[in-house]
Amino acid sequence: MELASARRDGQDRGGTVSEGRTGKRFPLELPIKIHKQDSAGDASGVTGNLSAAGVYIRADAALDVGSPVEFEITLPADAIGGKENIRIQCRGRVVRKDAPAGSDPADAHGVACVIDSYEFIRNS
């Protein structure tokens, strides 16, 4: 497995910010795997939108605001013009939590996460 690393470092921009979102968001539904730290196993879900700074996730995992989160996003080969899928391993934190969309408690939770660092993982 070959790793190509990239890190996004925060900058102090100063001033008053009326909205926490930065950068262009893309409405992409991509498979995501959340690595749960408090229990065994992983949770799965999909992205709702994605930017260089963060991601909105709909998943079967309850994540608390302020908690650290590790997740893996899969970019399908056909979507990127490649021969195989590319995985992006991300670390970040939950900044917003939305109630499930429906009345069924089994419905997916929605969370907004900032991405602090990421690595592209390619199979060799």
N, C-alpha and C. Protein backbone atom coordinates (compact mmCIF):
# COMPACT_ATOMS: atom_id res chain seq x y z
N MET A 1 0.85 -1.17 0.00
CA MET A 1 0.00 0.00 0.00
C MET A 1 0.90 1.24 0.00
N GLU A 2 0.62 2.17 -0.87
CA GLU A 2 1.40 3.39 -0.98
C GLU A 2 0.58 4.56 -0.44
N LEU A 3 1.21 5.40 0.36
CA LEU A 3 0.51 6.54 0.95
C LEU A 3 1.05 7.83 0.38
N ALA A 4 0.18 8.69 -0.05
CA ALA A 4 0.55 10.05 -0.46
C ALA A 4 -0.13 10.96 0.54
N SER A 5 0.63 11.68 1.32
CA SER A 5 0.06 12.47 2.42
C SER A 5 -0.16 13.91 2.04
N ALA A 6 -1.16 14.48 2.66
CA ALA A 6 -1.44 15.91 2.52
C ALA A 6 -2.01 16.37 3.84
N ARG A 7 -1.73 17.59 4.22
CA ARG A 7 -2.25 18.12 5.48
C ARG A 7 -2.76 19.51 5.23
N ARG A 8 -3.92 19.78 5.80
CA ARG A 8 -4.52 21.10 5.73
C ARG A 8 -4.34 21.73 7.09
N ASP A 9 -3.54 22.78 7.18
CA ASP A 9 -3.32 23.45 8.45
C ASP A 9 -4.22 24.66 8.55
N GLY A 10 -4.82 24.83 9.72
CA GLY A 10 -5.69 25.97 9.95
C GLY A 10 -4.89 27.26 10.02
N GLN A 11 -5.50 28.33 9.64
CA GLN A 11 -4.87 29.64 9.69
C GLN A 11 -5.76 30.55 10.49
N ASP A 12 -5.14 31.44 11.26
CA ASP A 12 -5.91 32.42 12.01
C ASP A 12 -6.30 33.53 11.05
N ARG A 13 -7.57 33.61 10.74
CA ARG A 13 -8.03 34.58 9.76
C ARG A 13 -8.53 35.85 10.41
N GLY A 14 -8.77 35.78 11.72
CA GLY A 14 -9.22 36.96 12.45
C GLY A 14 -10.58 37.43 11.99
N GLY A 15 -11.12 38.43 12.65
CA GLY A 15 -12.39 39.01 12.27
C GLY A 15 -13.57 38.16 12.69
N THR A 16 -14.75 38.65 12.38
CA THR A 16 -15.98 37.96 12.71
C THR A 16 -16.44 37.15 11.51
N VAL A 17 -16.80 35.93 11.76
CA VAL A 17 -17.27 35.05 10.68
C VAL A 17 -18.75 34.79 10.91
N SER A 18 -19.56 35.06 9.89
CA SER A 18 -20.99 34.86 10.03
C SER A 18 -21.40 33.42 9.75
N GLU A 19 -20.57 32.67 9.05
CA GLU A 19 -20.88 31.29 8.73
C GLU A 19 -19.59 30.48 8.84
N GLY A 20 -19.67 29.29 9.41
CA GLY A 20 -18.49 28.46 9.63
C GLY A 20 -17.98 27.76 8.39
N ARG A 21 -18.73 27.77 7.31
CA ARG A 21 -18.33 27.06 6.10
C ARG A 21 -17.30 27.85 5.32
N THR A 22 -16.32 27.13 4.78
CA THR A 22 -15.33 27.76 3.92
C THR A 22 -15.14 26.89 2.68
N GLY A 23 -14.82 27.49 1.57
CA GLY A 23 -14.57 26.75 0.35
C GLY A 23 -15.83 26.29 -0.35
N LYS A 24 -15.65 25.89 -1.60
CA LYS A 24 -16.77 25.41 -2.41
C LYS A 24 -17.14 24.00 -1.98
N ARG A 25 -18.45 23.77 -1.81
CA ARG A 25 -18.97 22.46 -1.45
C ARG A 25 -19.50 21.76 -2.69
N PHE A 26 -19.25 20.46 -2.77
CA PHE A 26 -19.71 19.67 -3.89
C PHE A 26 -20.73 18.66 -3.39
N PRO A 27 -21.92 18.61 -4.00
CA PRO A 27 -22.97 17.70 -3.55
C PRO A 27 -22.70 16.27 -4.04
N LEU A 28 -21.80 15.58 -3.37
CA LEU A 28 -21.40 14.24 -3.78
C LEU A 28 -21.85 13.20 -2.76
N GLU A 29 -22.47 12.14 -3.24
CA GLU A 29 -22.82 11.02 -2.39
C GLU A 29 -21.81 9.91 -2.63
N LEU A 30 -20.83 9.84 -1.74
CA LEU A 30 -19.77 8.85 -1.85
C LEU A 30 -19.81 7.93 -0.64
N PRO A 31 -19.43 6.66 -0.82
CA PRO A 31 -19.39 5.74 0.31
C PRO A 31 -18.39 6.21 1.36
N ILE A 32 -18.75 6.05 2.63
CA ILE A 32 -17.86 6.46 3.72
C ILE A 32 -17.89 5.40 4.81
N LYS A 33 -16.74 5.17 5.41
CA LYS A 33 -16.63 4.24 6.53
C LYS A 33 -16.09 5.04 7.71
N ILE A 34 -16.81 5.01 8.83
CA ILE A 34 -16.41 5.75 10.02
C ILE A 34 -15.77 4.76 10.99
N HIS A 35 -14.55 5.07 11.41
CA HIS A 35 -13.84 4.23 12.37
C HIS A 35 -14.23 4.68 13.77
N LYS A 36 -15.02 3.87 14.44
CA LYS A 36 -15.52 4.23 15.76
C LYS A 36 -14.46 3.94 16.82
N GLN A 37 -14.20 4.95 17.67
CA GLN A 37 -13.17 4.82 18.70
C GLN A 37 -13.73 4.25 19.99
N ASP A 38 -15.02 4.45 20.26
CA ASP A 38 -15.60 4.06 21.54
C ASP A 38 -16.18 2.64 21.56
N SER A 39 -16.20 1.97 20.42
CA SER A 39 -16.72 0.61 20.39
C SER A 39 -16.09 -0.16 19.25
N ALA A 40 -16.27 -1.45 19.27
CA ALA A 40 -15.71 -2.29 18.21
C ALA A 40 -16.49 -2.09 16.92
N GLY A 41 -15.79 -2.21 15.81
CA GLY A 41 -16.46 -2.14 14.51
C GLY A 41 -16.51 -0.75 13.93
N ASP A 42 -16.89 -0.70 12.69
CA ASP A 42 -17.00 0.55 11.95
C ASP A 42 -18.46 0.80 11.59
N ALA A 43 -18.76 2.05 11.29
CA ALA A 43 -20.09 2.42 10.82
C ALA A 43 -19.96 2.82 9.35
N SER A 44 -21.04 2.68 8.61
CA SER A 44 -21.00 3.06 7.20
C SER A 44 -22.03 4.15 6.95
N GLY A 45 -21.84 4.85 5.84
CA GLY A 45 -22.75 5.91 5.46
C GLY A 45 -22.38 6.47 4.10
N VAL A 46 -22.87 7.66 3.82
CA VAL A 46 -22.56 8.36 2.57
C VAL A 46 -22.30 9.83 2.88
N THR A 47 -21.53 10.45 2.02
CA THR A 47 -21.34 11.89 2.14
C THR A 47 -22.56 12.59 1.57
N GLY A 48 -22.90 13.74 2.13
CA GLY A 48 -23.97 14.56 1.59
C GLY A 48 -23.39 15.66 0.72
N ASN A 49 -22.29 16.23 1.20
CA ASN A 49 -21.50 17.17 0.41
C ASN A 49 -20.09 17.14 0.94
N LEU A 50 -19.16 17.65 0.13
CA LEU A 50 -17.74 17.54 0.44
C LEU A 50 -17.03 18.79 -0.03
N SER A 51 -16.09 19.27 0.78
CA SER A 51 -15.23 20.39 0.38
C SER A 51 -13.82 20.08 0.87
N ALA A 52 -12.87 20.94 0.55
CA ALA A 52 -11.50 20.74 1.03
C ALA A 52 -11.42 20.89 2.54
N ALA A 53 -12.37 21.60 3.13
CA ALA A 53 -12.33 21.88 4.57
C ALA A 53 -13.20 20.95 5.40
N GLY A 54 -14.19 20.28 4.79
CA GLY A 54 -15.07 19.47 5.60
C GLY A 54 -15.99 18.59 4.78
N VAL A 55 -16.85 17.87 5.50
CA VAL A 55 -17.76 16.92 4.88
C VAL A 55 -19.04 16.83 5.71
N TYR A 56 -20.16 16.64 5.02
CA TYR A 56 -21.42 16.34 5.70
C TYR A 56 -21.66 14.86 5.50
N ILE A 57 -21.92 14.15 6.60
CA ILE A 57 -22.05 12.70 6.57
C ILE A 57 -23.44 12.29 7.04
N ARG A 58 -24.04 11.37 6.31
CA ARG A 58 -25.27 10.69 6.76
C ARG A 58 -24.87 9.24 7.05
N ALA A 59 -24.98 8.85 8.32
CA ALA A 59 -24.48 7.53 8.70
C ALA A 59 -25.30 6.91 9.81
N ASP A 60 -25.08 5.61 10.01
CA ASP A 60 -25.77 4.88 11.06
C ASP A 60 -24.99 4.92 12.37
N ALA A 61 -24.25 5.99 12.59
CA ALA A 61 -23.47 6.16 13.81
C ALA A 61 -23.84 7.47 14.48
N ALA A 62 -24.01 7.42 15.78
CA ALA A 62 -24.29 8.64 16.54
C ALA A 62 -22.96 9.23 16.97
N LEU A 63 -22.63 10.40 16.47
CA LEU A 63 -21.38 11.08 16.82
C LEU A 63 -21.72 12.38 17.53
N ASP A 64 -20.97 12.70 18.57
CA ASP A 64 -21.24 13.89 19.37
C ASP A 64 -20.45 15.09 18.88
N VAL A 65 -21.06 16.27 18.97
CA VAL A 65 -20.39 17.52 18.60
C VAL A 65 -19.14 17.66 19.46
N GLY A 66 -18.03 18.00 18.81
CA GLY A 66 -16.75 18.18 19.50
C GLY A 66 -15.90 16.93 19.53
N SER A 67 -16.47 15.78 19.21
CA SER A 67 -15.70 14.54 19.28
C SER A 67 -14.80 14.39 18.05
N PRO A 68 -13.61 13.80 18.25
CA PRO A 68 -12.74 13.51 17.11
C PRO A 68 -13.35 12.38 16.28
N VAL A 69 -13.06 12.38 15.00
CA VAL A 69 -13.61 11.35 14.12
C VAL A 69 -12.57 11.00 13.05
N GLU A 70 -12.49 9.71 12.75
CA GLU A 70 -11.67 9.22 11.64
C GLU A 70 -12.61 8.52 10.67
N PHE A 71 -12.43 8.81 9.39
CA PHE A 71 -13.30 8.18 8.39
C PHE A 71 -12.55 8.02 7.09
N GLU A 72 -13.08 7.13 6.26
CA GLU A 72 -12.48 6.81 4.97
C GLU A 72 -13.53 7.02 3.89
N ILE A 73 -13.21 7.88 2.93
CA ILE A 73 -14.09 8.16 1.80
C ILE A 73 -13.54 7.41 0.59
N THR A 74 -14.41 6.75 -0.16
CA THR A 74 -13.99 6.03 -1.36
C THR A 74 -14.40 6.81 -2.60
N LEU A 75 -13.42 7.10 -3.45
CA LEU A 75 -13.68 7.73 -4.75
C LEU A 75 -13.75 6.61 -5.79
N PRO A 76 -14.91 6.35 -6.38
CA PRO A 76 -15.05 5.26 -7.34
C PRO A 76 -14.20 5.50 -8.60
N ALA A 77 -13.60 4.43 -9.10
CA ALA A 77 -12.71 4.51 -10.27
C ALA A 77 -13.38 5.18 -11.46
N ASP A 78 -14.64 4.83 -11.73
CA ASP A 78 -15.32 5.39 -12.90
C ASP A 78 -15.57 6.90 -12.74
N ALA A 79 -15.68 7.38 -11.52
CA ALA A 79 -15.92 8.81 -11.30
C ALA A 79 -14.66 9.65 -11.47
N ILE A 80 -13.50 9.02 -11.31
CA ILE A 80 -12.24 9.77 -11.41
C ILE A 80 -11.42 9.38 -12.64
N GLY A 81 -11.99 8.51 -13.47
CA GLY A 81 -11.31 8.11 -14.70
C GLY A 81 -10.11 7.20 -14.46
N GLY A 82 -10.15 6.43 -13.39
CA GLY A 82 -9.05 5.52 -13.08
C GLY A 82 -9.44 4.08 -13.25
N LYS A 83 -8.49 3.20 -12.94
CA LYS A 83 -8.73 1.77 -13.05
C LYS A 83 -9.17 1.15 -11.73
N GLU A 84 -8.93 1.85 -10.63
CA GLU A 84 -9.33 1.33 -9.33
C GLU A 84 -9.77 2.48 -8.42
N ASN A 85 -10.55 2.12 -7.42
CA ASN A 85 -11.02 3.12 -6.45
C ASN A 85 -9.85 3.72 -5.68
N ILE A 86 -10.02 4.94 -5.25
CA ILE A 86 -9.03 5.59 -4.38
C ILE A 86 -9.73 5.90 -3.07
N ARG A 87 -9.06 5.57 -1.97
CA ARG A 87 -9.60 5.85 -0.65
C ARG A 87 -8.87 7.05 -0.05
N ILE A 88 -9.62 7.87 0.67
CA ILE A 88 -9.03 9.01 1.37
C ILE A 88 -9.29 8.80 2.86
N GLN A 89 -8.21 8.66 3.62
CA GLN A 89 -8.29 8.47 5.07
C GLN A 89 -8.25 9.86 5.71
N CYS A 90 -9.29 10.22 6.45
CA CYS A 90 -9.41 11.57 7.01
C CYS A 90 -9.49 11.54 8.53
N ARG A 91 -8.98 12.62 9.13
CA ARG A 91 -9.13 12.85 10.57
C ARG A 91 -9.71 14.24 10.74
N GLY A 92 -10.66 14.35 11.66
CA GLY A 92 -11.28 15.64 11.90
C GLY A 92 -12.08 15.64 13.18
N ARG A 93 -13.09 16.50 13.23
CA ARG A 93 -13.95 16.58 14.41
C ARG A 93 -15.34 17.01 14.00
N VAL A 94 -16.31 16.58 14.79
CA VAL A 94 -17.71 16.88 14.53
C VAL A 94 -18.01 18.29 15.00
N VAL A 95 -18.60 19.11 14.12
CA VAL A 95 -18.93 20.50 14.48
C VAL A 95 -20.43 20.77 14.52
N ARG A 96 -21.23 19.86 13.95
CA ARG A 96 -22.69 20.01 13.99
C ARG A 96 -23.34 18.65 13.87
N LYS A 97 -24.47 18.49 14.56
CA LYS A 97 -25.20 17.23 14.52
C LYS A 97 -26.66 17.53 14.23
N ASP A 98 -27.24 16.83 13.25
CA ASP A 98 -28.64 16.99 12.90
C ASP A 98 -29.41 15.75 13.32
N ALA A 99 -30.66 15.94 13.66
CA ALA A 99 -31.53 14.82 14.00
C ALA A 99 -31.75 13.95 12.77
N PRO A 100 -32.07 12.67 12.96
CA PRO A 100 -32.39 11.82 11.81
C PRO A 100 -33.50 12.43 10.97
N ALA A 101 -33.44 12.20 9.67
CA ALA A 101 -34.38 12.81 8.74
C ALA A 101 -35.82 12.36 8.95
N GLY A 102 -36.03 11.11 9.29
CA GLY A 102 -37.39 10.58 9.45
C GLY A 102 -37.73 10.34 10.91
N SER A 103 -38.89 9.78 11.12
CA SER A 103 -39.34 9.51 12.48
C SER A 103 -38.80 8.18 13.02
N ASP A 104 -38.28 7.35 12.14
CA ASP A 104 -37.73 6.06 12.54
C ASP A 104 -36.36 6.27 13.20
N PRO A 105 -36.14 5.79 14.43
CA PRO A 105 -34.85 5.97 15.09
C PRO A 105 -33.69 5.30 14.34
N ALA A 106 -34.00 4.36 13.43
CA ALA A 106 -32.96 3.70 12.66
C ALA A 106 -32.49 4.55 11.48
N ASP A 107 -33.17 5.68 11.21
CA ASP A 107 -32.75 6.56 10.11
C ASP A 107 -31.35 7.09 10.37
N ALA A 108 -30.66 7.44 9.30
CA ALA A 108 -29.29 7.94 9.40
C ALA A 108 -29.23 9.29 10.11
N HIS A 109 -28.18 9.46 10.90
CA HIS A 109 -27.90 10.74 11.54
C HIS A 109 -27.09 11.58 10.56
N GLY A 110 -27.22 12.88 10.65
CA GLY A 110 -26.42 13.78 9.82
C GLY A 110 -25.45 14.54 10.70
N VAL A 111 -24.17 14.56 10.31
CA VAL A 111 -23.17 15.32 11.04
C VAL A 111 -22.28 16.08 10.07
N ALA A 112 -21.90 17.27 10.48
CA ALA A 112 -20.93 18.06 9.72
C ALA A 112 -19.60 17.95 10.44
N CYS A 113 -18.55 17.67 9.68
CA CYS A 113 -17.21 17.50 10.25
C CYS A 113 -16.21 18.39 9.52
N VAL A 114 -15.28 18.98 10.27
CA VAL A 114 -14.15 19.64 9.64
C VAL A 114 -13.09 18.56 9.42
N ILE A 115 -12.31 18.72 8.37
CA ILE A 115 -11.23 17.79 8.07
C ILE A 115 -9.93 18.48 8.47
N ASP A 116 -9.22 17.88 9.43
CA ASP A 116 -7.95 18.43 9.89
C ASP A 116 -6.77 17.89 9.09
N SER A 117 -6.83 16.62 8.69
CA SER A 117 -5.76 16.02 7.89
C SER A 117 -6.33 14.87 7.07
N TYR A 118 -5.62 14.53 5.99
CA TYR A 118 -6.07 13.44 5.14
C TYR A 118 -4.90 12.82 4.41
N GLU A 119 -5.07 11.55 4.01
CA GLU A 119 -4.08 10.82 3.24
C GLU A 119 -4.80 10.08 2.12
N PHE A 120 -4.21 10.11 0.92
CA PHE A 120 -4.73 9.31 -0.18
C PHE A 120 -4.11 7.92 -0.06
N ILE A 121 -4.93 6.90 -0.10
CA ILE A 121 -4.45 5.52 0.03
C ILE A 121 -4.69 4.82 -1.30
N ARG A 122 -3.61 4.34 -1.89
CA ARG A 122 -3.71 3.63 -3.17
C ARG A 122 -3.20 2.22 -2.98
N ASN A 123 -3.88 1.26 -3.55
CA ASN A 123 -3.41 -0.12 -3.51
C ASN A 123 -2.33 -0.29 -4.55
N SER A 124 -1.23 -0.95 -4.18
CA SER A 124 -0.15 -1.13 -5.16
C SER A 124 -0.10 -2.53 -5.68
